[in-house]
Amino acid sequence: MKIGLISDTHSHLDPKVFEYFKNVDEIWHAGDIGTLSLLEELEAFKPTVAVFGNIDGHEIRSASPEDQIFEREGVNVLMTHIAAKPPRYNPRVKKLITEHKPNILVCGHSHILKVQPDPANNLLFINPGAAGIHGFHQVKTLLRFDLEQGKPKSLEVIELGKRGALS
């Protein structure tokens, strides 16, 4: 299964996302979507799993939960917008990790791309950075990877260009 991972679009969906995600089976959006129309555009393109972020209003919050806990290809996934980072997760996320024992923790919020094993919690921490044009990040980023036989494989970092570039 091929996954396209995006976060922190803040109402801006770079058209290049459709090219980079054309062969994915599913898109995961880790919050700060911005507008319901952006979420609907992703959902019309590919099956999409999303969580709301701190900037998302009631429309997004009605369409997407705060947390997504699911399994794909034998991989247990916990996705939330604000998690902090290993090993200093926020208390709410620490509790979710203890309860659900995910293999992968996906979050956004920081606008900092980070993929890091967390051996203390036996999981892979993944933050795809930010794909929108608002924030302090310098380059818009996405991640693409495969889930195969219970493990993430072939992880690719995709740079969409400078933050200020509208595409």
Protein backbone atom coordinates (compact mmCIF):
# COMPACT_ATOMS: atom_id res chain seq x y z
CA MET A 1 0.00 0.00 0.00
CA LYS A 2 1.36 3.41 -1.00
CA ILE A 3 0.75 6.36 1.34
CA GLY A 4 0.97 10.09 0.63
CA LEU A 5 1.45 12.10 3.81
CA ILE A 6 0.74 15.82 4.04
CA SER A 7 0.21 18.35 6.82
CA ASP A 8 -0.21 22.03 7.53
CA THR A 9 -1.65 23.07 4.20
CA HIS A 10 -3.35 26.09 5.85
CA SER A 11 -5.86 26.41 2.98
CA HIS A 12 -3.22 26.11 0.22
CA LEU A 13 -3.03 22.95 -1.87
CA ASP A 14 -0.04 23.00 -4.20
CA PRO A 15 -1.10 21.49 -7.56
CA LYS A 16 2.09 19.40 -7.56
CA VAL A 17 0.54 17.31 -4.75
CA PHE A 18 -1.67 15.62 -7.35
CA GLU A 19 1.34 14.64 -9.45
CA TYR A 20 3.37 13.33 -6.50
CA PHE A 21 0.40 11.46 -5.04
CA LYS A 22 -0.99 10.09 -8.33
CA ASN A 23 0.16 6.53 -7.52
CA VAL A 24 -0.67 6.47 -3.81
CA ASP A 25 -3.50 4.33 -2.49
CA GLU A 26 -4.36 6.67 0.36
CA ILE A 27 -3.59 10.22 1.52
CA TRP A 28 -3.10 11.01 5.20
CA HIS A 29 -3.48 14.66 6.25
CA ALA A 30 -2.09 15.43 9.71
CA GLY A 31 -4.10 18.59 10.35
CA ASP A 32 -4.22 22.34 9.86
CA ILE A 33 -6.12 21.67 6.66
CA GLY A 34 -7.57 25.16 6.47
CA THR A 35 -10.73 24.77 4.40
CA LEU A 36 -13.32 22.08 3.90
CA SER A 37 -12.99 22.52 0.13
CA LEU A 38 -9.29 21.56 0.33
CA LEU A 39 -10.17 18.39 2.24
CA GLU A 40 -12.93 17.60 -0.26
CA GLU A 41 -10.50 18.10 -3.15
CA LEU A 42 -8.13 15.53 -1.62
CA GLU A 43 -11.01 13.13 -0.90
CA ALA A 44 -12.24 13.41 -4.51
CA PHE A 45 -8.72 12.54 -5.71
CA LYS A 46 -7.83 9.64 -3.39
CA PRO A 47 -9.20 8.02 -0.22
CA THR A 48 -8.12 10.41 2.55
CA VAL A 49 -7.69 9.99 6.30
CA ALA A 50 -7.44 13.32 8.11
CA VAL A 51 -7.37 14.91 11.55
CA PHE A 52 -8.18 18.49 12.42
CA GLY A 53 -5.50 20.90 13.56
CA ASN A 54 -5.46 23.91 15.84
CA ILE A 55 -6.27 26.39 13.04
CA ASP A 56 -9.18 24.35 11.68
CA GLY A 57 -12.68 25.66 12.26
CA HIS A 58 -15.93 23.88 12.99
CA GLU A 59 -16.45 22.66 9.39
CA ILE A 60 -13.17 20.71 9.40
CA ARG A 61 -13.71 19.58 12.99
CA SER A 62 -17.10 18.19 11.96
CA ALA A 63 -15.54 16.32 9.03
CA SER A 64 -12.37 15.04 10.75
CA PRO A 65 -11.64 13.93 14.33
CA GLU A 66 -8.79 15.09 16.56
CA ASP A 67 -7.21 11.64 16.43
CA GLN A 68 -7.27 8.80 13.94
CA ILE A 69 -6.34 5.32 15.16
CA PHE A 70 -6.33 2.74 12.39
CA GLU A 71 -4.52 -0.23 10.87
CA ARG A 72 -3.15 -0.57 7.35
CA GLU A 73 -1.16 -3.56 6.04
CA GLY A 74 -0.52 -4.82 9.57
CA VAL A 75 0.71 -1.40 10.78
CA ASN A 76 -1.08 0.29 13.69
CA VAL A 77 -1.20 4.05 13.14
CA LEU A 78 -1.97 6.92 15.49
CA MET A 79 -2.42 10.26 13.75
CA THR A 80 -3.00 13.54 15.58
CA HIS A 81 -2.03 17.12 14.84
CA ILE A 82 -0.14 18.13 18.00
CA ALA A 83 2.02 15.45 19.60
CA ALA A 84 5.31 17.24 20.39
CA LYS A 85 8.28 14.97 19.60
CA PRO A 86 10.05 11.93 21.02
CA PRO A 87 10.57 11.41 23.85
CA ARG A 88 8.64 14.45 25.13
CA TYR A 89 5.12 13.85 23.82
CA ASN A 90 2.33 15.85 25.36
CA PRO A 91 0.39 14.04 28.12
CA ARG A 92 -2.67 13.36 25.93
CA VAL A 93 -0.55 11.69 23.25
CA LYS A 94 1.47 9.73 25.83
CA LYS A 95 -1.83 8.27 27.04
CA LEU A 96 -2.90 7.39 23.47
CA ILE A 97 0.45 5.69 22.82
CA THR A 98 0.10 3.64 26.00
CA GLU A 99 -3.50 2.67 25.18
CA HIS A 100 -3.14 1.91 21.47
CA LYS A 101 0.53 0.93 21.03
CA PRO A 102 0.92 2.31 17.50
CA ASN A 103 3.75 1.25 15.20
CA ILE A 104 3.66 4.71 13.60
CA LEU A 105 2.81 8.06 15.18
CA VAL A 106 1.97 10.71 12.58
CA CYS A 107 1.62 14.37 13.52
CA GLY A 108 2.02 17.85 12.10
CA HIS A 109 1.92 21.27 13.76
CA SER A 110 5.64 22.06 14.07
CA HIS A 111 6.18 22.63 10.32
CA ILE A 112 9.43 20.69 10.83
CA LEU A 113 9.89 17.53 8.78
CA LYS A 114 11.08 14.79 11.11
CA VAL A 115 11.19 11.00 10.84
CA GLN A 116 12.66 9.36 13.91
CA PRO A 117 12.54 5.94 15.51
CA ASP A 118 11.27 6.03 19.08
CA PRO A 119 12.64 2.83 20.63
CA ALA A 120 11.20 3.65 24.07
CA ASN A 121 7.67 3.39 22.61
CA ASN A 122 8.52 0.92 19.84
CA LEU A 123 7.23 3.24 17.11
CA LEU A 124 8.29 5.39 14.19
CA PHE A 125 7.57 9.10 14.66
CA ILE A 126 6.68 10.87 11.40
CA ASN A 127 6.00 14.57 10.80
CA PRO A 128 5.87 15.49 7.09
CA GLY A 129 6.61 19.16 7.71
CA ALA A 130 4.33 21.74 6.11
CA ALA A 131 2.90 21.82 2.58
CA GLY A 132 1.25 25.23 2.81
CA ILE A 133 2.53 28.76 2.27
CA HIS A 134 1.89 30.05 5.81
CA GLY A 135 4.36 29.51 8.65
CA PHE A 136 8.07 29.75 9.29
CA HIS A 137 9.19 26.71 7.28
CA GLN A 138 11.36 27.54 4.28
CA VAL A 139 10.44 24.65 1.96
CA LYS A 140 7.05 22.96 1.45
CA THR A 141 7.34 19.22 2.03
CA LEU A 142 5.41 15.96 1.68
CA LEU A 143 6.28 12.36 2.42
CA ARG A 144 5.51 9.28 0.41
CA PHE A 145 6.09 5.70 1.57
CA ASP A 146 4.93 2.11 1.30
CA LEU A 147 3.40 -0.09 3.97
CA GLU A 148 4.45 -3.65 3.37
CA GLN A 149 4.31 -6.73 5.60
CA GLY A 150 3.75 -4.70 8.75
CA LYS A 151 6.48 -2.13 8.11
CA PRO A 152 6.93 1.26 6.45
CA LYS A 153 9.36 1.09 3.53
CA SER A 154 10.79 3.26 0.75
CA LEU A 155 10.14 6.57 2.50
CA GLU A 156 10.63 9.57 0.21
CA VAL A 157 10.86 13.24 1.14
CA ILE A 158 9.30 15.45 -1.53
CA GLU A 159 10.11 19.15 -1.70
CA LEU A 160 7.47 21.28 -3.40
CA GLY A 161 9.54 24.46 -3.50
CA LYS A 162 9.95 27.54 -1.36
CA ARG A 163 7.18 28.38 1.11
CA GLY A 164 6.32 31.68 -0.56
CA ALA A 165 5.98 30.14 -4.03
CA LEU A 166 2.36 29.69 -5.04
CA SER A 167 3.43 26.94 -7.49
